[in-house]
Amino acid sequence: MQGGCACVPTQEKSARILALEAMLREQASSKPSPQLEQTTSQNPSETRPARNEPDQEALFSHYSSEAQHDSTGYRANSEAGINSPGRERSLSARAFDALSRREYSRQELMRKLSPWAEDEAVLLRLLDKLQVDGYLSDQRYVDARLHARQMRYGSQKILYELRLQGVDESLLTAAADLLQTTELARARTVWRKKFTELPQTQTGRAKQWRYLQARGFGTDIIQRVMRGEGEEQ
């Protein structure tokens, strides 16, 4: 490219930089320079003033330098033996990409972003901002997990999973109270998908017991299922 732009090789640029350069080249080739606009008319009164547009070469230089910085940082980390996935995407871009797919708890998202965070303080400030702006919510995360898991698992398993993701105890207590109101009915539904009748032998009873226990239902609920409570008449 003309103008002495210090660009990195094309293969080392991110897709964003390549797309931007292509757009700028197209604009540069399709628009006459300000000097030509001023001299095309023979009549001075018809001379149009040059439009105040950004310097194309300056833009090329800026974004090429940015790409070179990202690529150089990646190569330096690779040569140092650091397993870095690359520096083309910012920490906030990774956060928004994750949150656009599903809800996350704060602790879960922090673990996901930690490998790309150079400074823990920066990551913590980003998480704080995401919470303040409403993009990150432990309450929404709990609601989403309850909706997805409650018809397949008991409250013990669901609450254990939520606790692993750093959900606050107050939210866990509220979730436990909500699950308890439908625990027997849900246990019956889970049991009915696997078995057609109550066990007639000790072996059969043990098998059904282990099945419900593995899915996170407590002893009291399993006993009530085994007695046929909640069965539709």
C-alpha atoms as a PDB file:
ATOM      1  CA  MET A   1       0.000   0.000   0.000  1.00  0.00           C
ATOM      2  CA  GLN A   2       1.191   3.499  -0.682  1.00  0.00           C
ATOM      3  CA  GLY A   3       1.976   6.058   1.936  1.00  0.00           C
ATOM      4  CA  GLY A   4       4.467   4.011   3.934  1.00  0.00           C
ATOM      5  CA  CYS A   5       1.820   2.189   6.033  1.00  0.00           C
ATOM      6  CA  ALA A   6       3.515  -0.319   8.313  1.00  0.00           C
ATOM      7  CA  CYS A   7       1.000  -3.168   7.877  1.00  0.00           C
ATOM      8  CA  VAL A   8       1.448  -6.666   9.173  1.00  0.00           C
ATOM      9  CA  PRO A   9       1.045  -9.619   6.755  1.00  0.00           C
ATOM     10  CA  THR A  10      -2.546 -10.351   5.803  1.00  0.00           C
ATOM     11  CA  GLN A  11      -2.572 -13.793   7.441  1.00  0.00           C
ATOM     12  CA  GLU A  12      -1.719 -12.263  10.812  1.00  0.00           C
ATOM     13  CA  LYS A  13      -4.631  -9.811  10.837  1.00  0.00           C
ATOM     14  CA  SER A  14      -7.921 -10.486  12.453  1.00  0.00           C
ATOM     15  CA  ALA A  15     -11.065 -10.702  10.321  1.00  0.00           C
ATOM     16  CA  ARG A  16     -12.177  -7.325  11.719  1.00  0.00           C
ATOM     17  CA  ILE A  17      -9.033  -5.564  10.477  1.00  0.00           C
ATOM     18  CA  LEU A  18      -9.201  -7.213   7.041  1.00  0.00           C
ATOM     19  CA  ALA A  19     -12.832  -6.173   6.606  1.00  0.00           C
ATOM     20  CA  LEU A  20     -12.057  -2.598   7.657  1.00  0.00           C
ATOM     21  CA  GLU A  21      -9.101  -2.283   5.282  1.00  0.00           C
ATOM     22  CA  ALA A  22     -11.161  -3.644   2.382  1.00  0.00           C
ATOM     23  CA  MET A  23     -13.879  -1.070   3.084  1.00  0.00           C
ATOM     24  CA  LEU A  24     -11.372   1.773   3.309  1.00  0.00           C
ATOM     25  CA  ARG A  25      -9.642   0.754   0.061  1.00  0.00           C
ATOM     26  CA  GLU A  26     -13.005   0.707  -1.718  1.00  0.00           C
ATOM     27  CA  GLN A  27     -13.841   4.154  -0.397  1.00  0.00           C
ATOM     28  CA  ALA A  28     -10.416   5.496  -1.307  1.00  0.00           C
ATOM     29  CA  SER A  29     -10.606   4.181  -4.897  1.00  0.00           C
ATOM     30  CA  SER A  30     -14.153   5.402  -5.530  1.00  0.00           C
ATOM     31  CA  LYS A  31     -13.785   8.980  -4.265  1.00  0.00           C
ATOM     32  CA  PRO A  32     -11.718  11.722  -6.003  1.00  0.00           C
ATOM     33  CA  SER A  33      -9.168  13.506  -3.916  1.00  0.00           C
ATOM     34  CA  PRO A  34     -10.013  16.972  -2.504  1.00  0.00           C
ATOM     35  CA  GLN A  35      -7.429  18.546  -4.827  1.00  0.00           C
ATOM     36  CA  LEU A  36      -9.168  17.151  -7.924  1.00  0.00           C
ATOM     37  CA  GLU A  37     -12.537  18.422  -6.731  1.00  0.00           C
ATOM     38  CA  GLN A  38     -11.114  21.912  -6.427  1.00  0.00           C
ATOM     39  CA  THR A  39      -9.486  22.045  -9.914  1.00  0.00           C
ATOM     40  CA  THR A  40     -12.006  20.273 -12.189  1.00  0.00           C
ATOM     41  CA  SER A  41     -14.088  23.391 -12.786  1.00  0.00           C
ATOM     42  CA  GLN A  42     -12.667  26.158 -14.948  1.00  0.00           C
ATOM     43  CA  ASN A  43     -14.954  28.702 -13.304  1.00  0.00           C
ATOM     44  CA  PRO A  44     -13.652  29.625  -9.842  1.00  0.00           C
ATOM     45  CA  SER A  45     -17.188  30.335  -8.695  1.00  0.00           C
ATOM     46  CA  GLU A  46     -18.118  26.730  -9.441  1.00  0.00           C
ATOM     47  CA  THR A  47     -15.228  25.275  -7.472  1.00  0.00           C
ATOM     48  CA  ARG A  48     -16.562  23.002  -4.742  1.00  0.00           C
ATOM     49  CA  PRO A  49     -14.793  23.021  -1.379  1.00  0.00           C
ATOM     50  CA  ALA A  50     -12.994  19.856  -0.373  1.00  0.00           C
ATOM     51  CA  ARG A  51     -15.037  17.598   1.897  1.00  0.00           C
ATOM     52  CA  ASN A  52     -13.798  17.158   5.424  1.00  0.00           C
ATOM     53  CA  GLU A  53     -13.204  13.374   5.398  1.00  0.00           C
ATOM     54  CA  PRO A  54     -10.894  11.288   7.577  1.00  0.00           C
ATOM     55  CA  ASP A  55      -7.385  10.641   6.354  1.00  0.00           C
ATOM     56  CA  GLN A  56      -7.497   7.151   4.791  1.00  0.00           C
ATOM     57  CA  GLU A  57      -3.782   6.581   5.267  1.00  0.00           C
ATOM     58  CA  ALA A  58      -4.027   7.542   8.922  1.00  0.00           C
ATOM     59  CA  LEU A  59      -6.852   5.045   9.437  1.00  0.00           C
ATOM     60  CA  PHE A  60      -4.896   2.309   7.689  1.00  0.00           C
ATOM     61  CA  SER A  61      -1.908   3.039   9.878  1.00  0.00           C
ATOM     62  CA  HIS A  62      -3.950   3.063  13.084  1.00  0.00           C
ATOM     63  CA  TYR A  63      -5.710  -0.239  12.571  1.00  0.00           C
ATOM     64  CA  SER A  64      -2.692  -1.930  11.054  1.00  0.00           C
ATOM     65  CA  SER A  65      -0.660  -0.930  14.095  1.00  0.00           C
ATOM     66  CA  GLU A  66      -3.395  -2.349  16.323  1.00  0.00           C
ATOM     67  CA  ALA A  67      -3.342  -5.635  14.441  1.00  0.00           C
ATOM     68  CA  GLN A  68       0.442  -5.750  14.594  1.00  0.00           C
ATOM     69  CA  HIS A  69       0.338  -5.172  18.351  1.00  0.00           C
ATOM     70  CA  ASP A  70      -2.160  -8.007  18.832  1.00  0.00           C
ATOM     71  CA  SER A  71      -0.195 -10.361  16.618  1.00  0.00           C
ATOM     72  CA  THR A  72       3.137  -9.481  18.229  1.00  0.00           C
ATOM     73  CA  GLY A  73       1.673 -10.055  21.694  1.00  0.00           C
ATOM     74  CA  TYR A  74       0.327 -13.418  20.651  1.00  0.00           C
ATOM     75  CA  ARG A  75       3.655 -14.498  19.122  1.00  0.00           C
ATOM     76  CA  ALA A  76       5.541 -13.352  22.218  1.00  0.00           C
ATOM     77  CA  ASN A  77       3.283 -15.387  24.486  1.00  0.00           C
ATOM     78  CA  SER A  78       3.588 -18.421  22.227  1.00  0.00           C
ATOM     79  CA  GLU A  79       7.385 -18.188  22.179  1.00  0.00           C
ATOM     80  CA  ALA A  80       7.379 -17.873  25.960  1.00  0.00           C
ATOM     81  CA  GLY A  81       5.375 -21.062  26.249  1.00  0.00           C
ATOM     82  CA  ILE A  82       2.175 -19.372  27.430  1.00  0.00           C
ATOM     83  CA  ASN A  83      -0.976 -21.053  26.153  1.00  0.00           C
ATOM     84  CA  SER A  84      -2.755 -17.859  25.066  1.00  0.00           C
ATOM     85  CA  PRO A  85      -5.796 -18.200  22.754  1.00  0.00           C
ATOM     86  CA  GLY A  86      -4.969 -14.865  21.110  1.00  0.00           C
ATOM     87  CA  ARG A  87      -5.535 -11.204  21.770  1.00  0.00           C
ATOM     88  CA  GLU A  88      -7.757 -10.204  18.861  1.00  0.00           C
ATOM     89  CA  ARG A  89     -10.908 -10.214  21.033  1.00  0.00           C
ATOM     90  CA  SER A  90     -11.295  -8.023  24.094  1.00  0.00           C
ATOM     91  CA  LEU A  91     -12.370  -9.340  27.479  1.00  0.00           C
ATOM     92  CA  SER A  92     -15.713  -7.560  27.243  1.00  0.00           C
ATOM     93  CA  ALA A  93     -16.346  -9.040  23.776  1.00  0.00           C
ATOM     94  CA  ARG A  94     -15.810 -12.520  25.172  1.00  0.00           C
ATOM     95  CA  ALA A  95     -18.173 -11.756  28.045  1.00  0.00           C
ATOM     96  CA  PHE A  96     -20.947 -10.535  25.753  1.00  0.00           C
ATOM     97  CA  ASP A  97     -20.450 -13.519  23.464  1.00  0.00           C
ATOM     98  CA  ALA A  98     -20.918 -15.913  26.392  1.00  0.00           C
ATOM     99  CA  LEU A  99     -23.930 -14.059  27.812  1.00  0.00           C
ATOM    100  CA  SER A 100     -25.619 -13.946  24.413  1.00  0.00           C
ATOM    101  CA  ARG A 101     -25.753 -17.748  24.462  1.00  0.00           C
ATOM    102  CA  ARG A 102     -27.138 -18.356  27.957  1.00  0.00           C
ATOM    103  CA  GLU A 103     -27.297 -17.023  31.509  1.00  0.00           C
ATOM    104  CA  TYR A 104     -24.196 -17.244  33.708  1.00  0.00           C
ATOM    105  CA  SER A 105     -23.644 -16.782  37.392  1.00  0.00           C
ATOM    106  CA  ARG A 106     -20.990 -14.220  38.298  1.00  0.00           C
ATOM    107  CA  GLN A 107     -18.563 -16.867  39.561  1.00  0.00           C
ATOM    108  CA  GLU A 108     -19.086 -19.091  36.521  1.00  0.00           C
ATOM    109  CA  LEU A 109     -18.429 -16.230  34.091  1.00  0.00           C
ATOM    110  CA  MET A 110     -15.382 -15.169  36.075  1.00  0.00           C
ATOM    111  CA  ARG A 111     -13.898 -18.663  35.740  1.00  0.00           C
ATOM    112  CA  LYS A 112     -14.638 -18.658  32.018  1.00  0.00           C
ATOM    113  CA  LEU A 113     -12.925 -15.302  31.390  1.00  0.00           C
ATOM    114  CA  SER A 114      -9.975 -15.728  33.766  1.00  0.00           C
ATOM    115  CA  PRO A 115      -7.635 -17.336  31.173  1.00  0.00           C
ATOM    116  CA  TRP A 116      -7.872 -14.165  29.044  1.00  0.00           C
ATOM    117  CA  ALA A 117      -7.620 -11.620  31.878  1.00  0.00           C
ATOM    118  CA  GLU A 118      -4.182 -10.110  32.380  1.00  0.00           C
ATOM    119  CA  ASP A 119      -5.304  -8.352  35.563  1.00  0.00           C
ATOM    120  CA  GLU A 120      -7.887  -9.730  38.009  1.00  0.00           C
ATOM    121  CA  ALA A 121      -8.893  -6.198  38.996  1.00  0.00           C
ATOM    122  CA  VAL A 122      -9.863  -5.436  35.383  1.00  0.00           C
ATOM    123  CA  LEU A 123     -11.959  -8.605  35.246  1.00  0.00           C
ATOM    124  CA  LEU A 124     -13.707  -7.749  38.522  1.00  0.00           C
ATOM    125  CA  ARG A 125     -14.564  -4.251  37.272  1.00  0.00           C
ATOM    126  CA  LEU A 126     -15.989  -5.735  34.083  1.00  0.00           C
ATOM    127  CA  LEU A 127     -18.165  -8.159  36.058  1.00  0.00           C
ATOM    128  CA  ASP A 128     -19.364  -5.313  38.288  1.00  0.00           C
ATOM    129  CA  LYS A 129     -20.340  -3.254  35.236  1.00  0.00           C
ATOM    130  CA  LEU A 130     -22.142  -6.185  33.628  1.00  0.00           C
ATOM    131  CA  GLN A 131     -24.164  -6.630  36.805  1.00  0.00           C
ATOM    132  CA  VAL A 132     -24.975  -2.924  37.155  1.00  0.00           C
ATOM    133  CA  ASP A 133     -26.057  -2.748  33.504  1.00  0.00           C
ATOM    134  CA  GLY A 134     -28.232  -5.840  33.904  1.00  0.00           C
ATOM    135  CA  TYR A 135     -26.355  -8.141  31.556  1.00  0.00           C
ATOM    136  CA  LEU A 136     -25.232 -10.453  34.369  1.00  0.00           C
ATOM    137  CA  SER A 137     -27.666 -11.668  37.029  1.00  0.00           C
ATOM    138  CA  ASP A 138     -27.418 -14.549  39.492  1.00  0.00           C
ATOM    139  CA  GLN A 139     -31.195 -14.415  39.951  1.00  0.00           C
ATOM    140  CA  ARG A 140     -31.807 -14.917  36.233  1.00  0.00           C
ATOM    141  CA  TYR A 141     -29.221 -17.684  36.227  1.00  0.00           C
ATOM    142  CA  VAL A 142     -31.060 -19.486  39.028  1.00  0.00           C
ATOM    143  CA  ASP A 143     -34.412 -19.081  37.277  1.00  0.00           C
ATOM    144  CA  ALA A 144     -32.981 -20.470  34.042  1.00  0.00           C
ATOM    145  CA  ARG A 145     -31.411 -23.473  35.772  1.00  0.00           C
ATOM    146  CA  LEU A 146     -34.612 -24.283  37.642  1.00  0.00           C
ATOM    147  CA  HIS A 147     -36.591 -24.135  34.429  1.00  0.00           C
ATOM    148  CA  ALA A 148     -34.142 -26.422  32.624  1.00  0.00           C
ATOM    149  CA  ARG A 149     -33.506 -28.973  35.388  1.00  0.00           C
ATOM    150  CA  GLN A 150     -36.511 -29.281  37.676  1.00  0.00           C
ATOM    151  CA  MET A 151     -38.454 -31.784  35.538  1.00  0.00           C
ATOM    152  CA  ARG A 152     -35.467 -34.126  35.385  1.00  0.00           C
ATOM    153  CA  TYR A 153     -33.794 -33.833  38.773  1.00  0.00           C
ATOM    154  CA  GLY A 154     -34.563 -33.437  42.459  1.00  0.00           C
ATOM    155  CA  SER A 155     -33.851 -30.383  44.559  1.00  0.00           C
ATOM    156  CA  GLN A 156     -30.708 -31.848  46.134  1.00  0.00           C
ATOM    157  CA  LYS A 157     -28.926 -32.182  42.789  1.00  0.00           C
ATOM    158  CA  ILE A 158     -30.148 -28.823  41.462  1.00  0.00           C
ATOM    159  CA  LEU A 159     -29.132 -26.925  44.598  1.00  0.00           C
ATOM    160  CA  TYR A 160     -25.739 -28.643  44.597  1.00  0.00           C
ATOM    161  CA  GLU A 161     -25.115 -27.483  41.004  1.00  0.00           C
ATOM    162  CA  LEU A 162     -26.146 -23.925  41.865  1.00  0.00           C
ATOM    163  CA  ARG A 163     -23.877 -23.876  44.901  1.00  0.00           C
ATOM    164  CA  LEU A 164     -20.935 -24.990  42.756  1.00  0.00           C
ATOM    165  CA  GLN A 165     -21.474 -21.918  40.583  1.00  0.00           C
ATOM    166  CA  GLY A 166     -21.212 -19.550  43.536  1.00  0.00           C
ATOM    167  CA  VAL A 167     -24.877 -18.669  43.876  1.00  0.00           C
ATOM    168  CA  ASP A 168     -25.627 -16.726  47.075  1.00  0.00           C
ATOM    169  CA  GLU A 169     -27.237 -18.652  49.942  1.00  0.00           C
ATOM    170  CA  SER A 170     -30.261 -16.372  49.957  1.00  0.00           C
ATOM    171  CA  LEU A 171     -30.992 -17.310  46.355  1.00  0.00           C
ATOM    172  CA  LEU A 172     -30.422 -20.983  47.165  1.00  0.00           C
ATOM    173  CA  THR A 173     -32.910 -20.801  50.034  1.00  0.00           C
ATOM    174  CA  ALA A 174     -35.557 -19.237  47.815  1.00  0.00           C
ATOM    175  CA  ALA A 175     -34.913 -21.874  45.123  1.00  0.00           C
ATOM    176  CA  ALA A 176     -35.176 -24.685  47.688  1.00  0.00           C
ATOM    177  CA  ASP A 177     -38.526 -23.375  48.925  1.00  0.00           C
ATOM    178  CA  LEU A 178     -39.838 -23.192  45.375  1.00  0.00           C
ATOM    179  CA  LEU A 179     -38.675 -26.688  44.479  1.00  0.00           C
ATOM    180  CA  GLN A 180     -40.113 -28.180  47.654  1.00  0.00           C
ATOM    181  CA  THR A 181     -43.664 -27.255  46.641  1.00  0.00           C
ATOM    182  CA  THR A 182     -43.502 -29.560  43.615  1.00  0.00           C
ATOM    183  CA  GLU A 183     -40.878 -32.091  44.706  1.00  0.00           C
ATOM    184  CA  LEU A 184     -43.208 -35.084  45.121  1.00  0.00           C
ATOM    185  CA  ALA A 185     -45.044 -34.460  41.845  1.00  0.00           C
ATOM    186  CA  ARG A 186     -41.765 -34.074  39.984  1.00  0.00           C
ATOM    187  CA  ALA A 187     -40.355 -37.218  41.562  1.00  0.00           C
ATOM    188  CA  ARG A 188     -43.440 -39.119  40.440  1.00  0.00           C
ATOM    189  CA  THR A 189     -42.982 -37.793  36.897  1.00  0.00           C
ATOM    190  CA  VAL A 190     -39.318 -38.795  36.794  1.00  0.00           C
ATOM    191  CA  TRP A 191     -40.149 -42.236  38.252  1.00  0.00           C
ATOM    192  CA  ARG A 192     -42.978 -42.817  35.758  1.00  0.00           C
ATOM    193  CA  LYS A 193     -40.712 -42.189  32.768  1.00  0.00           C
ATOM    194  CA  LYS A 194     -38.547 -45.119  33.873  1.00  0.00           C
ATOM    195  CA  PHE A 195     -40.892 -47.553  35.617  1.00  0.00           C
ATOM    196  CA  THR A 196     -44.433 -48.706  34.998  1.00  0.00           C
ATOM    197  CA  GLU A 197     -45.316 -50.115  38.424  1.00  0.00           C
ATOM    198  CA  LEU A 198     -44.261 -50.056  42.051  1.00  0.00           C
ATOM    199  CA  PRO A 199     -41.623 -52.612  43.022  1.00  0.00           C
ATOM    200  CA  GLN A 200     -42.828 -56.033  44.167  1.00  0.00           C
ATOM    201  CA  THR A 201     -39.477 -57.321  45.413  1.00  0.00           C
ATOM    202  CA  GLN A 202     -36.661 -56.001  47.549  1.00  0.00           C
ATOM    203  CA  THR A 203     -34.366 -56.034  44.525  1.00  0.00           C
ATOM    204  CA  GLY A 204     -36.840 -54.039  42.489  1.00  0.00           C
ATOM    205  CA  ARG A 205     -37.311 -51.580  45.315  1.00  0.00           C
ATOM    206  CA  ALA A 206     -33.553 -51.072  45.643  1.00  0.00           C
ATOM    207  CA  LYS A 207     -33.255 -50.455  41.895  1.00  0.00           C
ATOM    208  CA  GLN A 208     -35.978 -47.830  41.851  1.00  0.00           C
ATOM    209  CA  TRP A 209     -34.606 -46.231  45.010  1.00  0.00           C
ATOM    210  CA  ARG A 210     -31.117 -45.868  43.524  1.00  0.00           C
ATOM    211  CA  TYR A 211     -32.574 -44.388  40.339  1.00  0.00           C
ATOM    212  CA  LEU A 212     -34.418 -41.618  42.161  1.00  0.00           C
ATOM    213  CA  GLN A 213     -31.549 -41.014  44.565  1.00  0.00           C
ATOM    214  CA  ALA A 214     -29.090 -40.576  41.682  1.00  0.00           C
ATOM    215  CA  ARG A 215     -31.354 -37.873  40.306  1.00  0.00           C
ATOM    216  CA  GLY A 216     -31.199 -35.841  43.459  1.00  0.00           C
ATOM    217  CA  PHE A 217     -34.390 -36.710  45.316  1.00  0.00           C
ATOM    218  CA  GLY A 218     -34.235 -36.999  49.100  1.00  0.00           C
ATOM    219  CA  THR A 219     -35.042 -40.017  51.258  1.00  0.00           C
ATOM    220  CA  ASP A 220     -38.439 -38.719  52.397  1.00  0.00           C
ATOM    221  CA  ILE A 221     -39.607 -38.060  48.827  1.00  0.00           C
ATOM    222  CA  ILE A 222     -38.382 -41.458  47.602  1.00  0.00           C
ATOM    223  CA  GLN A 223     -40.223 -43.243  50.420  1.00  0.00           C
ATOM    224  CA  ARG A 224     -43.441 -41.464  49.504  1.00  0.00           C
ATOM    225  CA  VAL A 225     -43.026 -42.437  45.847  1.00  0.00           C
ATOM    226  CA  MET A 226     -42.411 -46.052  46.857  1.00  0.00           C
ATOM    227  CA  ARG A 227     -45.650 -45.983  48.888  1.00  0.00           C
ATOM    228  CA  GLY A 228     -47.544 -44.728  45.866  1.00  0.00           C
ATOM    229  CA  GLU A 229     -48.311 -41.274  47.237  1.00  0.00           C
ATOM    230  CA  GLY A 230     -49.234 -38.737  44.644  1.00  0.00           C
ATOM    231  CA  GLU A 231     -50.248 -41.434  42.164  1.00  0.00           C
ATOM    232  CA  GLU A 232     -53.261 -40.494  40.117  1.00  0.00           C
ATOM    233  CA  GLN A 233     -56.268 -42.640  40.891  1.00  0.00           C
END
